[in-house]
Amino acid sequence: MSELAGKALMVDESGLAAWQGKFADWAEYAKPLLPQGKAKEAFGKYPWYTTTGDPFASLQKPASETRFGLVTTGGYSIDGEQEPMRGFPAFGDEVPEIRTIPLDVDRSKLRINHPGYDHKYAEEDINANLPFDRINELVADGTIGSIAENTLVLMGLQPNVEPLIRHAIPDIISRFQADGVEAALLVPS
């Protein structure tokens, strides 16, 4: 983990204790609403967690010389190779699953397990939230140096940010560091 990334995570962790009480109250309010299809009402009162540090760092060299990693919250799995991702919000301490999807995956085997967004555009063009073609074009034309061979995939719908901050993000950083990744491209869904 870079020194800056470590500082950002530590700063983010400092507000978790105060936020957890607000989250617990919200979870009790939201749990009965979500099965009724009232997500908009439930998330209208969600206690959004805000960081106190700057989660971004400037590149120390040109993007054309940098190795990037891709992260999406699209909730993908590979049919026949991976179990579908959990398709419901986790209100407890469940650590978000992190899947790897190789850039050269047979795209006909990709499944979107995320119930929280309209899949129409992603099904028409996977690049809407899993931009393999666009990333490869950026590598080919020299805009970016290289891309990690595996994309990291999470499920959105992680209302309890504590396991995300304490476990999933350090895991993502560790995986990227092991692959020589110097910067992450985040694609929310």
N, C-alpha and C. Protein backbone atom coordinates (compact mmCIF):
# COMPACT_ATOMS: atom_id res chain seq x y z
N MET A 1 0.86 -1.17 0.00
CA MET A 1 0.00 0.00 0.00
C MET A 1 0.90 1.23 0.00
N SER A 2 0.57 2.17 -0.84
CA SER A 2 1.37 3.39 -0.86
C SER A 2 1.16 4.16 0.44
N GLU A 3 2.11 5.00 0.75
CA GLU A 3 2.00 5.81 1.97
C GLU A 3 0.73 6.66 1.94
N LEU A 4 0.46 7.29 0.79
CA LEU A 4 -0.72 8.14 0.67
C LEU A 4 -2.00 7.31 0.80
N ALA A 5 -2.04 6.15 0.14
CA ALA A 5 -3.23 5.31 0.24
C ALA A 5 -3.45 4.87 1.69
N GLY A 6 -2.37 4.53 2.37
CA GLY A 6 -2.49 4.13 3.77
C GLY A 6 -3.04 5.24 4.63
N LYS A 7 -2.58 6.46 4.39
CA LYS A 7 -3.08 7.60 5.16
C LYS A 7 -4.55 7.84 4.88
N ALA A 8 -4.94 7.74 3.62
CA ALA A 8 -6.34 7.95 3.27
C ALA A 8 -7.23 6.92 3.95
N LEU A 9 -6.79 5.66 3.97
CA LEU A 9 -7.60 4.63 4.62
C LEU A 9 -7.68 4.86 6.12
N MET A 10 -6.57 5.24 6.74
CA MET A 10 -6.60 5.48 8.18
C MET A 10 -7.52 6.65 8.51
N VAL A 11 -7.47 7.70 7.72
CA VAL A 11 -8.35 8.85 7.94
C VAL A 11 -9.80 8.41 7.78
N ASP A 12 -10.09 7.62 6.76
CA ASP A 12 -11.44 7.15 6.53
C ASP A 12 -11.94 6.31 7.69
N GLU A 13 -11.08 5.49 8.26
CA GLU A 13 -11.49 4.62 9.36
C GLU A 13 -11.87 5.41 10.61
N SER A 14 -11.31 6.58 10.79
CA SER A 14 -11.54 7.33 12.02
C SER A 14 -13.01 7.71 12.22
N GLY A 15 -13.76 7.88 11.17
CA GLY A 15 -15.16 8.27 11.29
C GLY A 15 -16.14 7.11 11.36
N LEU A 16 -15.62 5.88 11.27
CA LEU A 16 -16.52 4.72 11.21
C LEU A 16 -17.35 4.52 12.47
N ALA A 17 -16.76 4.71 13.63
CA ALA A 17 -17.48 4.45 14.88
C ALA A 17 -18.73 5.34 14.98
N ALA A 18 -18.58 6.62 14.70
CA ALA A 18 -19.73 7.53 14.76
C ALA A 18 -20.75 7.20 13.68
N TRP A 19 -20.28 6.81 12.51
CA TRP A 19 -21.18 6.48 11.40
C TRP A 19 -21.97 5.20 11.66
N GLN A 20 -21.35 4.22 12.33
CA GLN A 20 -22.00 2.92 12.56
C GLN A 20 -23.35 3.06 13.27
N GLY A 21 -23.46 3.97 14.22
CA GLY A 21 -24.73 4.17 14.92
C GLY A 21 -25.81 4.68 13.97
N LYS A 22 -25.44 5.61 13.13
CA LYS A 22 -26.39 6.13 12.14
C LYS A 22 -26.79 5.03 11.16
N PHE A 23 -25.81 4.22 10.76
CA PHE A 23 -26.10 3.13 9.84
C PHE A 23 -27.04 2.11 10.48
N ALA A 24 -26.81 1.76 11.73
CA ALA A 24 -27.67 0.78 12.42
C ALA A 24 -29.12 1.26 12.47
N ASP A 25 -29.32 2.54 12.77
CA ASP A 25 -30.68 3.09 12.77
C ASP A 25 -31.30 3.03 11.38
N TRP A 26 -30.52 3.39 10.37
CA TRP A 26 -31.02 3.35 9.00
C TRP A 26 -31.36 1.92 8.57
N ALA A 27 -30.50 0.97 8.91
CA ALA A 27 -30.72 -0.43 8.51
C ALA A 27 -32.05 -0.94 9.05
N GLU A 28 -32.38 -0.60 10.27
CA GLU A 28 -33.66 -1.03 10.83
C GLU A 28 -34.83 -0.41 10.07
N TYR A 29 -34.66 0.82 9.64
CA TYR A 29 -35.68 1.51 8.85
C TYR A 29 -35.79 0.89 7.45
N ALA A 30 -34.65 0.59 6.83
CA ALA A 30 -34.62 0.17 5.42
C ALA A 30 -34.96 -1.30 5.20
N LYS A 31 -34.61 -2.16 6.12
CA LYS A 31 -34.80 -3.61 5.90
C LYS A 31 -36.21 -3.98 5.46
N PRO A 32 -37.26 -3.47 6.08
CA PRO A 32 -38.60 -3.85 5.61
C PRO A 32 -39.01 -3.19 4.29
N LEU A 33 -38.38 -2.08 3.94
CA LEU A 33 -38.75 -1.37 2.72
C LEU A 33 -38.21 -2.03 1.46
N LEU A 34 -36.99 -2.54 1.51
CA LEU A 34 -36.35 -3.09 0.31
C LEU A 34 -37.11 -4.27 -0.29
N PRO A 35 -37.58 -5.24 0.51
CA PRO A 35 -38.34 -6.34 -0.10
C PRO A 35 -39.67 -5.89 -0.72
N GLN A 36 -40.14 -4.72 -0.33
CA GLN A 36 -41.38 -4.17 -0.88
C GLN A 36 -41.11 -3.34 -2.14
N GLY A 37 -39.86 -3.33 -2.62
CA GLY A 37 -39.53 -2.55 -3.80
C GLY A 37 -39.43 -1.06 -3.55
N LYS A 38 -39.20 -0.67 -2.31
CA LYS A 38 -39.15 0.75 -1.95
C LYS A 38 -37.72 1.21 -1.69
N ALA A 39 -36.82 0.84 -2.60
CA ALA A 39 -35.41 1.21 -2.44
C ALA A 39 -35.22 2.72 -2.45
N LYS A 40 -35.95 3.41 -3.32
CA LYS A 40 -35.80 4.86 -3.40
C LYS A 40 -36.14 5.51 -2.06
N GLU A 41 -37.21 5.04 -1.44
CA GLU A 41 -37.59 5.57 -0.13
C GLU A 41 -36.54 5.22 0.92
N ALA A 42 -36.07 3.97 0.90
CA ALA A 42 -35.08 3.53 1.88
C ALA A 42 -33.78 4.32 1.75
N PHE A 43 -33.27 4.42 0.52
CA PHE A 43 -31.99 5.09 0.34
C PHE A 43 -32.11 6.61 0.39
N GLY A 44 -33.32 7.12 0.36
CA GLY A 44 -33.52 8.55 0.55
C GLY A 44 -33.11 9.01 1.94
N LYS A 45 -33.06 8.09 2.90
CA LYS A 45 -32.66 8.42 4.27
C LYS A 45 -31.32 7.79 4.66
N TYR A 46 -30.62 7.25 3.67
CA TYR A 46 -29.33 6.60 3.94
C TYR A 46 -28.32 7.61 4.49
N PRO A 47 -27.59 7.24 5.56
CA PRO A 47 -26.60 8.15 6.15
C PRO A 47 -25.27 8.06 5.38
N TRP A 48 -25.16 8.71 4.26
CA TRP A 48 -23.98 8.60 3.42
C TRP A 48 -22.72 8.87 4.22
N TYR A 49 -21.76 7.99 4.04
CA TYR A 49 -20.47 8.11 4.72
C TYR A 49 -19.58 9.04 3.91
N THR A 50 -18.98 9.99 4.57
CA THR A 50 -18.06 10.90 3.87
C THR A 50 -16.67 10.77 4.48
N THR A 51 -15.70 10.89 3.64
CA THR A 51 -14.33 10.79 4.09
C THR A 51 -13.81 12.16 4.51
N THR A 52 -12.78 12.15 5.31
CA THR A 52 -12.17 13.40 5.73
C THR A 52 -10.86 13.64 5.00
N GLY A 53 -10.32 12.61 4.38
CA GLY A 53 -9.06 12.75 3.65
C GLY A 53 -9.32 12.82 2.16
N ASP A 54 -8.29 13.02 1.43
CA ASP A 54 -8.36 13.05 -0.03
C ASP A 54 -8.05 11.65 -0.52
N PRO A 55 -9.04 10.94 -1.10
CA PRO A 55 -8.79 9.55 -1.52
C PRO A 55 -8.03 9.44 -2.84
N PHE A 56 -7.69 10.56 -3.43
CA PHE A 56 -7.03 10.54 -4.73
C PHE A 56 -5.58 10.96 -4.58
N ALA A 57 -4.76 10.42 -5.46
CA ALA A 57 -3.35 10.78 -5.49
C ALA A 57 -2.99 11.08 -6.93
N SER A 58 -2.11 12.04 -7.13
CA SER A 58 -1.64 12.37 -8.47
C SER A 58 -0.64 11.33 -8.93
N LEU A 59 -0.68 11.02 -10.21
CA LEU A 59 0.31 10.11 -10.78
C LEU A 59 1.68 10.77 -10.69
N GLN A 60 2.68 9.97 -10.40
CA GLN A 60 4.04 10.49 -10.31
C GLN A 60 4.80 10.35 -11.62
N LYS A 61 4.11 9.81 -12.64
CA LYS A 61 4.70 9.69 -13.97
C LYS A 61 3.56 9.74 -14.99
N PRO A 62 3.86 9.87 -16.26
CA PRO A 62 2.79 9.96 -17.25
C PRO A 62 1.91 8.70 -17.29
N ALA A 63 0.64 8.89 -17.59
CA ALA A 63 -0.28 7.75 -17.71
C ALA A 63 0.21 6.77 -18.75
N SER A 64 0.91 7.25 -19.75
CA SER A 64 1.42 6.39 -20.82
C SER A 64 2.50 5.43 -20.33
N GLU A 65 3.00 5.65 -19.11
CA GLU A 65 4.02 4.78 -18.52
C GLU A 65 3.50 4.05 -17.30
N THR A 66 2.21 4.15 -17.04
CA THR A 66 1.61 3.63 -15.80
C THR A 66 0.82 2.37 -16.07
N ARG A 67 0.90 1.42 -15.13
CA ARG A 67 0.10 0.20 -15.18
C ARG A 67 -1.18 0.45 -14.38
N PHE A 68 -2.32 0.23 -15.02
CA PHE A 68 -3.61 0.47 -14.41
C PHE A 68 -4.30 -0.85 -14.07
N GLY A 69 -5.17 -0.77 -13.09
CA GLY A 69 -6.07 -1.87 -12.76
C GLY A 69 -7.49 -1.37 -12.89
N LEU A 70 -8.39 -2.24 -13.26
CA LEU A 70 -9.79 -1.88 -13.45
C LEU A 70 -10.63 -2.51 -12.34
N VAL A 71 -11.49 -1.68 -11.72
CA VAL A 71 -12.42 -2.14 -10.69
C VAL A 71 -13.82 -1.70 -11.11
N THR A 72 -14.77 -2.61 -11.08
CA THR A 72 -16.16 -2.25 -11.35
C THR A 72 -17.05 -2.77 -10.24
N THR A 73 -18.14 -2.06 -9.99
CA THR A 73 -19.13 -2.52 -9.02
C THR A 73 -20.35 -3.10 -9.74
N GLY A 74 -20.12 -3.61 -10.94
CA GLY A 74 -21.20 -4.13 -11.78
C GLY A 74 -21.79 -5.45 -11.35
N GLY A 75 -21.14 -6.16 -10.42
CA GLY A 75 -21.70 -7.42 -9.93
C GLY A 75 -21.69 -8.53 -10.96
N TYR A 76 -20.61 -8.71 -11.68
CA TYR A 76 -20.50 -9.74 -12.71
C TYR A 76 -20.00 -11.06 -12.14
N SER A 77 -20.38 -12.14 -12.80
CA SER A 77 -19.79 -13.45 -12.56
C SER A 77 -19.65 -14.15 -13.91
N ILE A 78 -18.83 -15.18 -13.94
CA ILE A 78 -18.61 -15.97 -15.14
C ILE A 78 -19.44 -17.23 -15.02
N ASP A 79 -20.43 -17.37 -15.89
CA ASP A 79 -21.34 -18.52 -15.87
C ASP A 79 -20.56 -19.82 -16.03
N GLY A 80 -20.83 -20.77 -15.15
CA GLY A 80 -20.18 -22.06 -15.21
C GLY A 80 -18.83 -22.12 -14.52
N GLU A 81 -18.30 -20.97 -14.12
CA GLU A 81 -16.99 -20.93 -13.46
C GLU A 81 -17.06 -20.31 -12.07
N GLN A 82 -18.00 -19.42 -11.86
CA GLN A 82 -18.13 -18.73 -10.57
C GLN A 82 -19.59 -18.77 -10.13
N GLU A 83 -19.79 -18.86 -8.84
CA GLU A 83 -21.14 -18.75 -8.30
C GLU A 83 -21.63 -17.33 -8.55
N PRO A 84 -22.94 -17.15 -8.77
CA PRO A 84 -23.45 -15.77 -8.89
C PRO A 84 -23.12 -14.97 -7.63
N MET A 85 -22.90 -13.70 -7.82
CA MET A 85 -22.62 -12.85 -6.67
C MET A 85 -23.91 -12.65 -5.86
N ARG A 86 -23.74 -12.42 -4.58
CA ARG A 86 -24.87 -12.17 -3.70
C ARG A 86 -25.60 -10.94 -4.22
N GLY A 87 -26.88 -11.09 -4.54
CA GLY A 87 -27.62 -10.02 -5.19
C GLY A 87 -28.52 -9.23 -4.28
N PHE A 88 -28.14 -9.05 -3.05
CA PHE A 88 -28.96 -8.27 -2.12
C PHE A 88 -28.04 -7.48 -1.22
N PRO A 89 -28.55 -6.38 -0.66
CA PRO A 89 -27.69 -5.58 0.22
C PRO A 89 -27.28 -6.35 1.47
N ALA A 90 -26.06 -6.15 1.89
CA ALA A 90 -25.55 -6.74 3.12
C ALA A 90 -25.65 -5.69 4.23
N PHE A 91 -26.41 -6.00 5.24
CA PHE A 91 -26.58 -5.06 6.34
C PHE A 91 -25.65 -5.38 7.50
N GLY A 92 -25.06 -6.57 7.48
CA GLY A 92 -24.19 -6.98 8.58
C GLY A 92 -22.74 -6.67 8.28
N ASP A 93 -21.88 -7.50 8.82
CA ASP A 93 -20.44 -7.30 8.69
C ASP A 93 -19.85 -8.12 7.54
N GLU A 94 -20.70 -8.57 6.60
CA GLU A 94 -20.21 -9.36 5.48
C GLU A 94 -19.21 -8.54 4.67
N VAL A 95 -18.07 -9.14 4.40
CA VAL A 95 -17.06 -8.48 3.58
C VAL A 95 -17.48 -8.64 2.12
N PRO A 96 -17.52 -7.56 1.37
CA PRO A 96 -17.91 -7.66 -0.04
C PRO A 96 -17.03 -8.65 -0.80
N GLU A 97 -17.69 -9.47 -1.62
CA GLU A 97 -16.94 -10.40 -2.46
C GLU A 97 -16.17 -9.62 -3.51
N ILE A 98 -14.99 -10.09 -3.82
CA ILE A 98 -14.20 -9.52 -4.90
C ILE A 98 -13.93 -10.66 -5.87
N ARG A 99 -14.38 -10.48 -7.09
CA ARG A 99 -14.17 -11.48 -8.13
C ARG A 99 -13.14 -10.98 -9.12
N THR A 100 -12.50 -11.90 -9.80
CA THR A 100 -11.61 -11.51 -10.89
C THR A 100 -12.24 -11.97 -12.20
N ILE A 101 -12.19 -11.09 -13.16
CA ILE A 101 -12.66 -11.38 -14.51
C ILE A 101 -11.49 -11.07 -15.44
N PRO A 102 -10.96 -12.08 -16.13
CA PRO A 102 -9.85 -11.80 -17.05
C PRO A 102 -10.30 -10.95 -18.23
N LEU A 103 -9.41 -10.12 -18.72
CA LEU A 103 -9.73 -9.27 -19.87
C LEU A 103 -10.12 -10.10 -21.09
N ASP A 104 -9.58 -11.31 -21.20
CA ASP A 104 -9.87 -12.14 -22.38
C ASP A 104 -11.01 -13.13 -22.14
N VAL A 105 -11.87 -12.87 -21.15
CA VAL A 105 -12.98 -13.76 -20.83
C VAL A 105 -13.91 -13.92 -22.04
N ASP A 106 -14.50 -15.09 -22.16
CA ASP A 106 -15.55 -15.30 -23.17
C ASP A 106 -16.75 -14.48 -22.70
N ARG A 107 -17.01 -13.39 -23.36
CA ARG A 107 -18.04 -12.44 -22.91
C ARG A 107 -19.44 -13.04 -22.91
N SER A 108 -19.67 -14.08 -23.69
CA SER A 108 -20.99 -14.72 -23.69
C SER A 108 -21.26 -15.43 -22.37
N LYS A 109 -20.21 -15.64 -21.57
CA LYS A 109 -20.37 -16.31 -20.28
C LYS A 109 -20.55 -15.33 -19.11
N LEU A 110 -20.45 -14.04 -19.39
CA LEU A 110 -20.60 -13.06 -18.32
C LEU A 110 -22.06 -12.90 -17.94
N ARG A 111 -22.32 -12.85 -16.65
CA ARG A 111 -23.66 -12.64 -16.12
C ARG A 111 -23.62 -11.47 -15.15
N ILE A 112 -24.63 -10.63 -15.23
CA ILE A 112 -24.76 -9.52 -14.28
C ILE A 112 -25.68 -10.00 -13.16
N ASN A 113 -25.16 -10.04 -11.96
CA ASN A 113 -25.93 -10.50 -10.80
C ASN A 113 -26.46 -9.33 -9.97
N HIS A 114 -26.16 -8.14 -10.36
CA HIS A 114 -26.51 -6.94 -9.59
C HIS A 114 -27.96 -6.55 -9.87
N PRO A 115 -28.83 -6.55 -8.86
CA PRO A 115 -30.23 -6.18 -9.09
C PRO A 115 -30.51 -4.68 -8.97
N GLY A 116 -29.48 -3.89 -8.69
CA GLY A 116 -29.71 -2.48 -8.37
C GLY A 116 -29.62 -1.51 -9.52
N TYR A 117 -29.48 -1.99 -10.75
CA TYR A 117 -29.46 -1.07 -11.89
C TYR A 117 -30.05 -1.77 -13.11
N ASP A 118 -30.48 -0.99 -14.07
CA ASP A 118 -31.03 -1.50 -15.31
C ASP A 118 -29.88 -2.05 -16.15
N HIS A 119 -29.94 -3.32 -16.50
CA HIS A 119 -28.87 -3.98 -17.24
C HIS A 119 -28.91 -3.70 -18.74
N LYS A 120 -29.92 -3.01 -19.20
CA LYS A 120 -30.15 -2.82 -20.63
C LYS A 120 -28.88 -2.36 -21.37
N TYR A 121 -28.27 -1.29 -20.91
CA TYR A 121 -27.13 -0.74 -21.63
C TYR A 121 -25.90 -1.63 -21.53
N ALA A 122 -25.69 -2.23 -20.38
CA ALA A 122 -24.55 -3.14 -20.23
C ALA A 122 -24.73 -4.38 -21.09
N GLU A 123 -25.97 -4.83 -21.24
CA GLU A 123 -26.21 -5.99 -22.10
C GLU A 123 -26.08 -5.63 -23.58
N GLU A 124 -26.41 -4.40 -23.95
CA GLU A 124 -26.22 -3.94 -25.33
C GLU A 124 -24.74 -3.74 -25.64
N ASP A 125 -24.01 -3.19 -24.69
CA ASP A 125 -22.58 -2.92 -24.87
C ASP A 125 -21.90 -3.06 -23.52
N ILE A 126 -21.17 -4.13 -23.35
CA ILE A 126 -20.53 -4.42 -22.07
C ILE A 126 -19.62 -3.28 -21.62
N ASN A 127 -19.13 -2.48 -22.56
CA ASN A 127 -18.25 -1.38 -22.21
C ASN A 127 -18.93 -0.32 -21.35
N ALA A 128 -20.24 -0.40 -21.20
CA ALA A 128 -20.96 0.56 -20.36
C ALA A 128 -20.48 0.50 -18.91
N ASN A 129 -20.15 -0.69 -18.42
CA ASN A 129 -19.63 -0.77 -17.05
C ASN A 129 -18.52 -1.81 -16.88
N LEU A 130 -18.10 -2.41 -17.96
CA LEU A 130 -16.94 -3.30 -17.95
C LEU A 130 -16.17 -2.98 -19.25
N PRO A 131 -15.47 -1.84 -19.25
CA PRO A 131 -14.96 -1.26 -20.51
C PRO A 131 -13.68 -1.92 -21.05
N PHE A 132 -13.75 -3.22 -21.30
CA PHE A 132 -12.58 -3.94 -21.80
C PHE A 132 -12.08 -3.36 -23.13
N ASP A 133 -13.00 -3.12 -24.07
CA ASP A 133 -12.58 -2.62 -25.39
C ASP A 133 -11.96 -1.24 -25.28
N ARG A 134 -12.58 -0.36 -24.51
CA ARG A 134 -12.05 1.00 -24.38
C ARG A 134 -10.67 0.99 -23.71
N ILE A 135 -10.50 0.16 -22.70
CA ILE A 135 -9.20 0.07 -22.01
C ILE A 135 -8.13 -0.45 -22.98
N ASN A 136 -8.46 -1.51 -23.72
CA ASN A 136 -7.49 -2.05 -24.68
C ASN A 136 -7.13 -1.02 -25.74
N GLU A 137 -8.09 -0.19 -26.15
CA GLU A 137 -7.80 0.88 -27.11
C GLU A 137 -6.82 1.89 -26.51
N LEU A 138 -7.01 2.22 -25.23
CA LEU A 138 -6.12 3.17 -24.56
C LEU A 138 -4.69 2.62 -24.45
N VAL A 139 -4.58 1.31 -24.23
CA VAL A 139 -3.25 0.69 -24.19
C VAL A 139 -2.65 0.70 -25.59
N ALA A 140 -3.45 0.30 -26.59
CA ALA A 140 -2.96 0.20 -27.97
C ALA A 140 -2.47 1.55 -28.52
N ASP A 141 -3.17 2.62 -28.16
CA ASP A 141 -2.75 3.92 -28.71
C ASP A 141 -1.74 4.65 -27.81
N GLY A 142 -1.33 4.00 -26.71
CA GLY A 142 -0.30 4.56 -25.86
C GLY A 142 -0.77 5.57 -24.84
N THR A 143 -2.08 5.75 -24.72
CA THR A 143 -2.60 6.69 -23.72
C THR A 143 -2.25 6.22 -22.31
N ILE A 144 -2.39 4.91 -22.08
CA ILE A 144 -1.98 4.33 -20.79
C ILE A 144 -0.92 3.26 -21.08
N GLY A 145 -0.08 3.02 -20.10
CA GLY A 145 1.03 2.09 -20.29
C GLY A 145 0.58 0.64 -20.44
N SER A 146 -0.19 0.15 -19.48
CA SER A 146 -0.67 -1.22 -19.53
C SER A 146 -1.85 -1.36 -18.57
N ILE A 147 -2.51 -2.51 -18.68
CA ILE A 147 -3.66 -2.81 -17.84
C ILE A 147 -3.48 -4.19 -17.22
N ALA A 148 -3.87 -4.34 -15.98
CA ALA A 148 -3.80 -5.65 -15.33
C ALA A 148 -4.68 -6.63 -16.10
N GLU A 149 -4.25 -7.87 -16.18
CA GLU A 149 -4.98 -8.86 -16.96
C GLU A 149 -6.31 -9.25 -16.32
N ASN A 150 -6.44 -9.04 -15.02
CA ASN A 150 -7.68 -9.36 -14.32
C ASN A 150 -8.35 -8.10 -13.80
N THR A 151 -9.65 -7.98 -14.10
CA THR A 151 -10.47 -6.90 -13.56
C THR A 151 -11.03 -7.37 -12.23
N LEU A 152 -11.08 -6.47 -11.26
CA LEU A 152 -11.67 -6.80 -9.97
C LEU A 152 -13.11 -6.33 -9.97
N VAL A 153 -14.01 -7.24 -9.60
CA VAL A 153 -15.44 -6.97 -9.65
C VAL A 153 -16.03 -7.10 -8.26
N LEU A 154 -16.77 -6.09 -7.87
CA LEU A 154 -17.52 -6.12 -6.63
C LEU A 154 -18.99 -5.95 -6.96
N MET A 155 -19.82 -6.28 -6.02
CA MET A 155 -21.24 -5.98 -6.12
C MET A 155 -21.44 -4.62 -5.49
N GLY A 156 -22.18 -3.77 -6.16
CA GLY A 156 -22.57 -2.53 -5.51
C GLY A 156 -23.46 -2.93 -4.34
N LEU A 157 -24.37 -2.15 -3.96
CA LEU A 157 -25.29 -2.50 -2.86
C LEU A 157 -24.54 -2.93 -1.61
N GLN A 158 -23.58 -2.15 -1.20
CA GLN A 158 -22.84 -2.42 0.04
C GLN A 158 -23.12 -1.28 1.01
N PRO A 159 -24.31 -1.25 1.61
CA PRO A 159 -24.62 -0.10 2.45
C PRO A 159 -23.76 0.01 3.71
N ASN A 160 -23.25 -1.12 4.22
CA ASN A 160 -22.38 -1.05 5.38
C ASN A 160 -20.95 -0.89 4.89
N VAL A 161 -20.43 0.33 4.97
CA VAL A 161 -19.11 0.62 4.41
C VAL A 161 -17.96 0.14 5.28
N GLU A 162 -18.23 -0.22 6.53
CA GLU A 162 -17.13 -0.62 7.41
C GLU A 162 -16.36 -1.82 6.86
N PRO A 163 -17.01 -2.94 6.47
CA PRO A 163 -16.21 -4.04 5.92
C PRO A 163 -15.56 -3.69 4.58
N LEU A 164 -16.16 -2.78 3.85
CA LEU A 164 -15.56 -2.32 2.60
C LEU A 164 -14.25 -1.59 2.88
N ILE A 165 -14.28 -0.65 3.82
CA ILE A 165 -13.10 0.15 4.15
C ILE A 165 -12.03 -0.69 4.86
N ARG A 166 -12.45 -1.52 5.79
CA ARG A 166 -11.47 -2.26 6.61
C ARG A 166 -10.93 -3.52 5.94
N HIS A 167 -11.70 -4.12 5.04
CA HIS A 167 -11.27 -5.40 4.47
C HIS A 167 -11.17 -5.40 2.94
N ALA A 168 -12.24 -4.98 2.25
CA ALA A 168 -12.24 -5.09 0.79
C ALA A 168 -11.23 -4.16 0.14
N ILE A 169 -11.17 -2.90 0.57
CA ILE A 169 -10.23 -1.96 -0.06
C ILE A 169 -8.78 -2.38 0.17
N PRO A 170 -8.39 -2.76 1.39
CA PRO A 170 -7.02 -3.26 1.55
C PRO A 170 -6.74 -4.51 0.70
N ASP A 171 -7.74 -5.37 0.52
CA ASP A 171 -7.58 -6.55 -0.33
C ASP A 171 -7.36 -6.14 -1.79
N ILE A 172 -8.13 -5.17 -2.26
CA ILE A 172 -7.97 -4.67 -3.63
C ILE A 172 -6.56 -4.09 -3.80
N ILE A 173 -6.14 -3.28 -2.85
CA ILE A 173 -4.80 -2.68 -2.93
C ILE A 173 -3.74 -3.77 -2.97
N SER A 174 -3.87 -4.77 -2.12
CA SER A 174 -2.90 -5.86 -2.08
C SER A 174 -2.85 -6.62 -3.40
N ARG A 175 -4.01 -6.93 -3.96
CA ARG A 175 -4.05 -7.64 -5.24
C ARG A 175 -3.41 -6.81 -6.34
N PHE A 176 -3.73 -5.54 -6.37
CA PHE A 176 -3.16 -4.68 -7.40
C PHE A 176 -1.65 -4.54 -7.24
N GLN A 177 -1.19 -4.39 -6.02
CA GLN A 177 0.25 -4.27 -5.80
C GLN A 177 0.97 -5.53 -6.26
N ALA A 178 0.39 -6.70 -6.00
CA ALA A 178 1.00 -7.96 -6.42
C ALA A 178 1.12 -8.04 -7.94
N ASP A 179 0.25 -7.31 -8.64
CA ASP A 179 0.26 -7.32 -10.11
C ASP A 179 0.98 -6.09 -10.68
N GLY A 180 1.61 -5.31 -9.83
CA GLY A 180 2.35 -4.15 -10.31
C GLY A 180 1.48 -2.97 -10.72
N VAL A 181 0.22 -2.98 -10.31
CA VAL A 181 -0.69 -1.89 -10.65
C VAL A 181 -0.30 -0.64 -9.86
N GLU A 182 -0.29 0.49 -10.57
CA GLU A 182 0.11 1.75 -9.96
C GLU A 182 -1.05 2.73 -9.80
N ALA A 183 -2.14 2.48 -10.53
CA ALA A 183 -3.31 3.37 -10.46
C ALA A 183 -4.54 2.55 -10.81
N ALA A 184 -5.67 2.92 -10.20
CA ALA A 184 -6.92 2.18 -10.42
C ALA A 184 -7.90 3.03 -11.21
N LEU A 185 -8.61 2.37 -12.11
CA LEU A 185 -9.73 2.97 -12.82
C LEU A 185 -11.00 2.39 -12.21
N LEU A 186 -11.82 3.24 -11.62
CA LEU A 186 -13.02 2.80 -10.93
C LEU A 186 -14.24 3.04 -11.82
N VAL A 187 -15.01 1.98 -12.05
CA VAL A 187 -16.19 2.07 -12.90
C VAL A 187 -17.41 1.69 -12.07
N PRO A 188 -18.16 2.67 -11.54
CA PRO A 188 -19.36 2.35 -10.78
C PRO A 188 -20.49 1.93 -11.70
N SER A 189 -21.41 1.21 -11.14
CA SER A 189 -22.56 0.76 -11.93
C SER A 189 -23.84 1.33 -11.38
